[in-house]
Amino acid sequence: MRGGRPAMVLAGGAVLAGSLLVVGPAGATRAGPAGPGAGSGASAWVAPAAGHDTPAGFWYGTDSWPIAVSSQRPYREPVIGGYYGGYIGMAGNWAHWLGCGGQLAWSATNAAQANTNLTTYHVGIGTGVYWFMGGPGVDPHYSGTTAEAYAWGRAQARRAVWDIGFDHVTYPVVFMDVELPGIPPAPDNGWNSVYTSPCSGRVRTYHVPPQVDRADFNGFWDYIRYHTRFTPGVYSSPGVWASIFGTGSASYIPHTDEWTYMDDTDSLADPPSGWCLPSTSTCARFFGGVTASAPQALMWQWSGGGGTHNGYGDFDQIDANRQP
């Protein structure tokens, strides 16, 4: 449990101090409600350009792993310039919670810088959070029913809210991170396969019905919406979303706030303006019935996610005009 988050413990027992938290096995975790069952680092700062995000109300920001930001105040967006408009960090992770290892991609320094810009200079959104979401297939009590999947989503939301209590969160949306990460203990995070146990890495069944996946999503969504001060949202991409929820009614979420990571680029040379990279066809694509013009289209991770590598980290565009 922390006044500050634990240091990063590396293989062999080495410790990386500072704001980065990567927590492995359960011994290094924050204390809290028991579970229901058993990258990259900072880069050197590059002097910012004179640019700023457009149109008015849009901000540049970063997420997850630390990125070095200048000491100049108001803080500036690394590499591309403009004001540092927000930081979105991983509040929690289903695998870490259940003692399966897992990492927490969080920078206390970037969060503090984003909050300073908001509270002192009225710049940006401050700090937001997401929860690395487990699908029904990593539920310790998986039964194949929508009722159990709903309970599993709700349990994750309760834990997410507990984790958020350790962070100074100013942005009102809590995002479910729904993706197929390709990493242990469950490469699909239990959305498309059922595992023999959450930490085993061994698949029991290579199928989860879309309606069961959606019940998991609904359990989290409902708890955040009706039992907290936050608004539920989701981070994903059109392709991943369809591969989990299909294209029928289970995939349809037109009234849910979204953060997408498609399309994307590995170049930071021409930052986006209004959901598109200048002079290209690369634009933000949302999912589940939400379009870029919808009020639910809130954020775009335009570089650093989805397998792209820019040499620094994750860069985001945030539309504060649509902030709930």
Protein backbone atom coordinates (compact mmCIF):
# COMPACT_ATOMS: atom_id res chain seq x y z
CA MET A 1 0.00 0.00 0.00
CA ARG A 2 1.35 3.40 -0.74
CA GLY A 3 1.92 6.94 0.04
CA GLY A 4 4.00 6.56 -3.13
CA ARG A 5 3.74 3.64 -5.54
CA PRO A 6 6.30 0.84 -5.11
CA ALA A 7 9.52 0.92 -7.08
CA MET A 8 9.88 -1.29 -10.12
CA VAL A 9 11.43 -4.64 -9.25
CA LEU A 10 13.36 -6.07 -12.18
CA ALA A 11 14.53 -9.59 -12.87
CA GLY A 12 17.33 -10.50 -10.46
CA GLY A 13 16.04 -8.14 -7.79
CA ALA A 14 17.27 -4.86 -9.26
CA VAL A 15 15.04 -1.88 -8.44
CA LEU A 16 14.16 1.01 -10.68
CA ALA A 17 13.21 3.93 -8.47
CA GLY A 18 11.10 6.89 -9.45
CA SER A 19 7.59 7.32 -10.70
CA LEU A 20 7.35 4.26 -12.90
CA LEU A 21 5.43 1.38 -11.45
CA VAL A 22 5.69 -2.07 -12.92
CA VAL A 23 4.41 -4.54 -10.40
CA GLY A 24 4.98 -8.23 -10.92
CA PRO A 25 3.94 -11.08 -8.62
CA ALA A 26 1.51 -10.48 -5.83
CA GLY A 27 4.17 -9.76 -3.22
CA ALA A 28 4.73 -6.29 -4.64
CA THR A 29 1.11 -5.27 -4.93
CA ARG A 30 -0.90 -2.69 -3.07
CA ALA A 31 -3.02 -4.11 -0.30
CA GLY A 32 -6.73 -4.04 -0.90
CA PRO A 33 -9.83 -6.12 -1.49
CA ALA A 34 -8.88 -9.67 -2.35
CA GLY A 35 -9.48 -10.91 -5.87
CA PRO A 36 -12.21 -13.46 -6.44
CA GLY A 37 -9.63 -16.15 -7.15
CA ALA A 38 -6.49 -17.42 -6.45
CA GLY A 39 8.09 -1.53 -21.88
CA SER A 40 9.53 1.02 -22.36
CA GLY A 41 11.09 3.67 -20.10
CA ALA A 42 11.43 7.44 -20.17
CA SER A 43 13.16 9.02 -23.17
CA ALA A 44 15.31 12.13 -23.29
CA TRP A 45 13.30 15.30 -23.75
CA VAL A 46 13.43 16.99 -27.13
CA ALA A 47 12.83 20.75 -27.35
CA PRO A 48 9.20 21.34 -28.33
CA ALA A 49 8.06 22.92 -31.53
CA ALA A 50 5.92 26.02 -31.39
CA GLY A 51 2.78 24.20 -32.47
CA HIS A 52 -0.38 23.44 -30.57
CA ASP A 53 -3.28 21.07 -31.02
CA THR A 54 -6.21 22.17 -33.13
CA PRO A 55 -9.07 22.90 -33.36
CA ALA A 56 -9.79 24.78 -30.14
CA GLY A 57 -10.54 22.48 -27.23
CA PHE A 58 -8.28 19.68 -28.50
CA TRP A 59 -5.16 18.82 -26.52
CA TYR A 60 -2.09 16.68 -26.99
CA GLY A 61 -1.32 14.23 -24.20
CA THR A 62 0.44 10.96 -23.35
CA ASP A 63 -0.55 7.74 -21.68
CA SER A 64 0.82 4.81 -19.70
CA TRP A 65 4.64 4.56 -19.49
CA PRO A 66 6.61 7.66 -18.45
CA ILE A 67 7.79 10.16 -21.03
CA ALA A 68 10.20 12.92 -20.04
CA VAL A 69 8.50 16.32 -20.07
CA SER A 70 10.37 19.64 -19.90
CA SER A 71 10.66 21.52 -16.61
CA GLN A 72 9.20 24.64 -18.24
CA ARG A 73 5.79 25.61 -16.91
CA PRO A 74 3.15 25.30 -18.15
CA TYR A 75 4.50 21.88 -19.10
CA ARG A 76 4.89 21.19 -22.80
CA GLU A 77 4.02 18.09 -24.80
CA PRO A 78 7.21 16.08 -25.41
CA VAL A 79 8.76 16.10 -28.89
CA ILE A 80 5.86 17.67 -30.81
CA GLY A 81 5.27 20.83 -28.77
CA GLY A 82 2.14 22.53 -27.59
CA TYR A 83 0.90 22.42 -24.02
CA TYR A 84 0.89 19.11 -22.19
CA GLY A 85 -2.85 18.52 -22.25
CA GLY A 86 -3.31 15.36 -20.24
CA TYR A 87 -2.04 12.03 -18.95
CA ILE A 88 -3.99 8.75 -18.91
CA GLY A 89 -2.53 5.96 -16.79
CA MET A 90 -3.33 2.37 -15.92
CA ALA A 91 -5.06 2.39 -12.54
CA GLY A 92 -5.19 -1.40 -12.39
CA ASN A 93 -4.80 -4.69 -14.20
CA TRP A 94 -6.90 -7.86 -13.81
CA ALA A 95 -3.80 -10.11 -13.93
CA HIS A 96 -1.92 -8.12 -11.33
CA TRP A 97 -4.98 -8.10 -9.09
CA LEU A 98 -5.33 -11.87 -9.25
CA GLY A 99 -1.63 -12.45 -8.58
CA CYS A 100 -0.78 -13.59 -12.11
CA GLY A 101 2.03 -11.08 -12.61
CA GLY A 102 1.06 -8.26 -14.90
CA GLN A 103 2.22 -4.67 -14.98
CA LEU A 104 0.84 -1.27 -14.08
CA ALA A 105 1.78 1.28 -16.71
CA TRP A 106 1.73 4.40 -14.58
CA SER A 107 3.82 7.57 -14.22
CA ALA A 108 3.24 9.60 -11.06
CA THR A 109 5.44 12.33 -12.55
CA ASN A 110 3.45 12.70 -15.76
CA ALA A 111 0.20 12.61 -13.78
CA ALA A 112 1.44 15.41 -11.50
CA GLN A 113 2.57 17.48 -14.49
CA ALA A 114 -0.79 17.10 -16.22
CA ASN A 115 -2.63 18.02 -13.02
CA THR A 116 -0.43 21.08 -12.48
CA ASN A 117 -1.21 22.29 -15.98
CA LEU A 118 -4.93 21.89 -15.32
CA THR A 119 -5.17 23.31 -11.82
CA THR A 120 -2.58 26.08 -12.06
CA TYR A 121 -2.70 27.10 -15.73
CA HIS A 122 -6.16 25.84 -16.79
CA VAL A 123 -4.57 23.79 -19.55
CA GLY A 124 -5.82 20.35 -20.59
CA ILE A 125 -7.74 17.67 -18.71
CA GLY A 126 -5.30 16.67 -15.97
CA THR A 127 -5.14 12.92 -15.25
CA GLY A 128 -7.41 10.15 -16.46
CA VAL A 129 -7.28 6.40 -15.87
CA TYR A 130 -8.01 3.05 -17.46
CA TRP A 131 -8.41 -0.51 -16.18
CA PHE A 132 -6.74 -3.39 -18.07
CA MET A 133 -9.88 -5.46 -18.45
CA GLY A 134 -10.16 -9.23 -18.16
CA GLY A 135 -12.68 -11.05 -20.34
CA PRO A 136 -14.95 -13.83 -19.11
CA GLY A 137 -12.34 -16.49 -19.91
CA VAL A 138 -10.09 -15.39 -17.03
CA ASP A 139 -12.90 -15.17 -14.49
CA PRO A 140 -11.99 -17.57 -11.64
CA HIS A 141 -15.66 -18.56 -11.49
CA TYR A 142 -16.35 -18.84 -15.22
CA SER A 143 -19.56 -20.73 -15.88
CA GLY A 144 -20.43 -19.68 -19.41
CA THR A 145 -23.44 -17.68 -18.22
CA THR A 146 -24.11 -14.01 -18.75
CA ALA A 147 -24.96 -13.66 -15.06
CA GLU A 148 -21.50 -14.79 -13.98
CA ALA A 149 -19.80 -12.67 -16.67
CA TYR A 150 -21.75 -9.63 -15.44
CA ALA A 151 -20.64 -10.32 -11.87
CA TRP A 152 -17.02 -10.59 -13.04
CA GLY A 153 -17.21 -7.23 -14.83
CA ARG A 154 -18.77 -5.67 -11.76
CA ALA A 155 -16.05 -7.11 -9.51
CA GLN A 156 -13.38 -5.60 -11.76
CA ALA A 157 -15.08 -2.22 -11.60
CA ARG A 158 -15.14 -2.33 -7.81
CA ARG A 159 -11.42 -3.07 -7.74
CA ALA A 160 -10.74 -0.35 -10.31
CA VAL A 161 -12.50 2.21 -8.13
CA TRP A 162 -10.42 1.10 -5.14
CA ASP A 163 -7.21 1.50 -7.16
CA ILE A 164 -8.30 4.92 -8.43
CA GLY A 165 -8.50 6.06 -4.82
CA PHE A 166 -4.69 6.11 -4.75
CA ASP A 167 -4.48 8.56 -7.65
CA HIS A 168 -5.40 12.21 -8.09
CA VAL A 169 -7.79 11.69 -11.00
CA THR A 170 -9.37 14.78 -12.56
CA TYR A 171 -10.85 13.38 -15.77
CA PRO A 172 -14.36 11.95 -15.27
CA VAL A 173 -14.18 8.91 -17.59
CA VAL A 174 -12.83 5.53 -16.45
CA PHE A 175 -11.88 3.55 -19.54
CA MET A 176 -12.06 -0.22 -19.85
CA ASP A 177 -8.98 -1.31 -21.80
CA VAL A 178 -10.45 -4.00 -24.10
CA GLU A 179 -7.72 -5.47 -26.26
CA LEU A 180 -5.89 -8.64 -27.30
CA PRO A 181 -2.43 -7.86 -25.89
CA GLY A 182 -0.60 -11.02 -26.91
CA ILE A 183 1.16 -11.33 -23.56
CA PRO A 184 0.99 -13.80 -20.64
CA PRO A 185 -0.89 -15.02 -18.76
CA ALA A 186 -3.72 -14.79 -21.32
CA PRO A 187 -2.78 -13.42 -24.77
CA ASP A 188 -6.40 -12.52 -25.50
CA ASN A 189 -7.16 -11.39 -21.92
CA GLY A 190 -9.88 -14.03 -21.80
CA TRP A 191 -12.15 -12.41 -24.37
CA ASN A 192 -12.01 -15.16 -26.99
CA SER A 193 -10.77 -18.14 -24.98
CA VAL A 194 -11.53 -19.72 -21.61
CA TYR A 195 -8.48 -20.65 -19.52
CA THR A 196 -8.14 -23.52 -17.06
CA SER A 197 -7.45 -20.87 -14.42
CA PRO A 198 -6.69 -17.15 -14.63
CA CYS A 199 -2.93 -17.55 -14.27
CA SER A 200 -2.40 -20.89 -16.05
CA GLY A 201 -1.92 -19.71 -19.62
CA ARG A 202 -3.59 -22.95 -20.72
CA VAL A 203 -6.72 -22.74 -22.86
CA ARG A 204 -9.70 -24.91 -21.98
CA THR A 205 -12.08 -23.65 -24.67
CA TYR A 206 -11.32 -21.55 -27.75
CA HIS A 207 -14.58 -19.67 -27.79
CA VAL A 208 -16.51 -17.15 -25.72
CA PRO A 209 -19.97 -16.14 -27.02
CA PRO A 210 -20.26 -12.41 -27.83
CA GLN A 211 -23.22 -12.04 -25.47
CA VAL A 212 -21.09 -13.39 -22.59
CA ASP A 213 -18.30 -10.94 -23.45
CA ARG A 214 -20.89 -8.15 -23.54
CA ALA A 215 -22.24 -9.13 -20.11
CA ASP A 216 -18.72 -8.69 -18.69
CA PHE A 217 -18.54 -5.25 -20.30
CA ASN A 218 -22.02 -4.37 -18.99
CA GLY A 219 -21.13 -5.34 -15.42
CA PHE A 220 -18.21 -2.94 -15.38
CA TRP A 221 -20.16 -0.21 -17.20
CA ASP A 222 -23.14 -0.37 -14.85
CA TYR A 223 -21.07 -0.30 -11.67
CA ILE A 224 -19.09 2.76 -12.76
CA ARG A 225 -22.19 4.56 -14.03
CA TYR A 226 -24.51 3.92 -11.09
CA HIS A 227 -22.20 3.57 -8.09
CA THR A 228 -19.42 6.13 -8.61
CA ARG A 229 -18.87 9.72 -9.60
CA PHE A 230 -17.23 8.60 -12.85
CA THR A 231 -18.52 7.88 -16.35
CA PRO A 232 -17.71 4.53 -17.98
CA GLY A 233 -15.76 4.49 -21.24
CA VAL A 234 -13.78 2.02 -23.34
CA TYR A 235 -10.40 1.91 -25.10
CA SER A 236 -10.17 -0.40 -28.10
CA SER A 237 -10.02 -0.40 -31.92
CA PRO A 238 -12.51 -1.33 -34.66
CA GLY A 239 -10.79 -4.59 -35.58
CA VAL A 240 -10.24 -5.83 -32.05
CA TRP A 241 -13.75 -4.82 -31.02
CA ALA A 242 -15.32 -6.82 -33.86
CA SER A 243 -13.11 -9.83 -33.16
CA ILE A 244 -14.45 -9.97 -29.60
CA PHE A 245 -18.05 -8.77 -29.82
CA GLY A 246 -18.81 -9.54 -33.47
CA THR A 247 -20.88 -7.14 -35.53
CA GLY A 248 -24.32 -7.82 -34.08
CA SER A 249 -26.18 -6.31 -31.16
CA ALA A 250 -23.49 -7.32 -28.62
CA SER A 251 -21.04 -4.98 -30.38
CA TYR A 252 -23.29 -1.92 -30.40
CA ILE A 253 -22.32 0.77 -27.85
CA PRO A 254 -23.32 4.11 -29.44
CA HIS A 255 -23.75 5.85 -26.09
CA THR A 256 -20.42 4.82 -24.53
CA ASP A 257 -17.46 7.22 -24.44
CA GLU A 258 -14.51 5.95 -26.47
CA TRP A 259 -10.74 6.16 -26.81
CA THR A 260 -9.41 4.51 -29.98
CA TYR A 261 -5.94 3.48 -31.11
CA MET A 262 -6.66 3.15 -34.82
CA ASP A 263 -5.51 4.38 -37.23
CA ASP A 264 -1.98 5.19 -36.05
CA THR A 265 1.52 6.09 -37.14
CA ASP A 266 5.11 5.66 -35.98
CA SER A 267 6.02 9.19 -37.10
CA LEU A 268 5.77 12.23 -34.83
CA ALA A 269 6.69 14.67 -37.61
CA ASP A 270 3.14 15.87 -38.33
CA PRO A 271 0.85 15.76 -35.27
CA PRO A 272 -2.89 15.41 -35.81
CA SER A 273 -5.46 18.12 -36.13
CA GLY A 274 -9.13 17.35 -35.63
CA TRP A 275 -8.81 13.54 -35.61
CA CYS A 276 -6.58 13.33 -38.73
CA LEU A 277 -2.90 13.57 -39.57
CA PRO A 278 -2.30 16.51 -41.95
CA SER A 279 -2.20 15.70 -45.67
CA THR A 280 -2.82 11.98 -45.10
CA SER A 281 -5.73 9.55 -44.97
CA THR A 282 -4.74 8.53 -41.41
CA CYS A 283 -7.61 9.47 -39.13
CA ALA A 284 -9.13 8.29 -35.86
CA ARG A 285 -11.55 5.38 -36.32
CA PHE A 286 -13.93 4.58 -33.50
CA PHE A 287 -16.05 1.45 -33.06
CA GLY A 288 -19.29 -0.09 -31.85
CA GLY A 289 -21.48 2.45 -33.65
CA VAL A 290 -19.51 5.55 -32.58
CA THR A 291 -18.09 7.81 -35.29
CA ALA A 292 -15.48 10.56 -35.10
CA SER A 293 -18.24 13.16 -35.20
CA ALA A 294 -20.15 11.64 -32.28
CA PRO A 295 -20.03 13.25 -28.83
CA GLN A 296 -18.73 9.92 -27.46
CA ALA A 297 -15.49 10.19 -29.50
CA LEU A 298 -13.16 11.51 -26.80
CA MET A 299 -9.56 10.41 -27.42
CA TRP A 300 -7.23 9.03 -30.08
CA GLN A 301 -3.94 7.28 -29.31
CA TRP A 302 -2.45 8.27 -32.64
CA SER A 303 1.12 7.03 -32.12
CA GLY A 304 2.77 4.46 -29.89
CA GLY A 305 -0.12 2.02 -29.57
CA GLY A 306 -1.34 -0.81 -31.75
CA GLY A 307 2.17 -2.06 -32.42
CA THR A 308 3.64 1.23 -33.64
CA HIS A 309 6.96 2.45 -32.24
CA ASN A 310 8.03 6.09 -32.36
CA GLY A 311 11.00 5.88 -29.96
CA TYR A 312 9.30 7.78 -27.12
CA GLY A 313 5.97 6.34 -26.01
CA ASP A 314 2.21 6.74 -26.42
CA PHE A 315 0.88 10.01 -27.82
CA ASP A 316 -2.78 11.00 -27.66
CA GLN A 317 -5.19 13.59 -28.95
CA ILE A 318 -7.97 14.58 -26.55
CA ASP A 319 -11.15 16.47 -27.38
CA ALA A 320 -12.02 18.34 -24.20
CA ASN A 321 -15.02 19.95 -25.93
CA ARG A 322 -16.78 16.60 -25.51
CA GLN A 323 -15.67 15.94 -21.96
CA PRO A 324 -18.63 14.47 -20.04
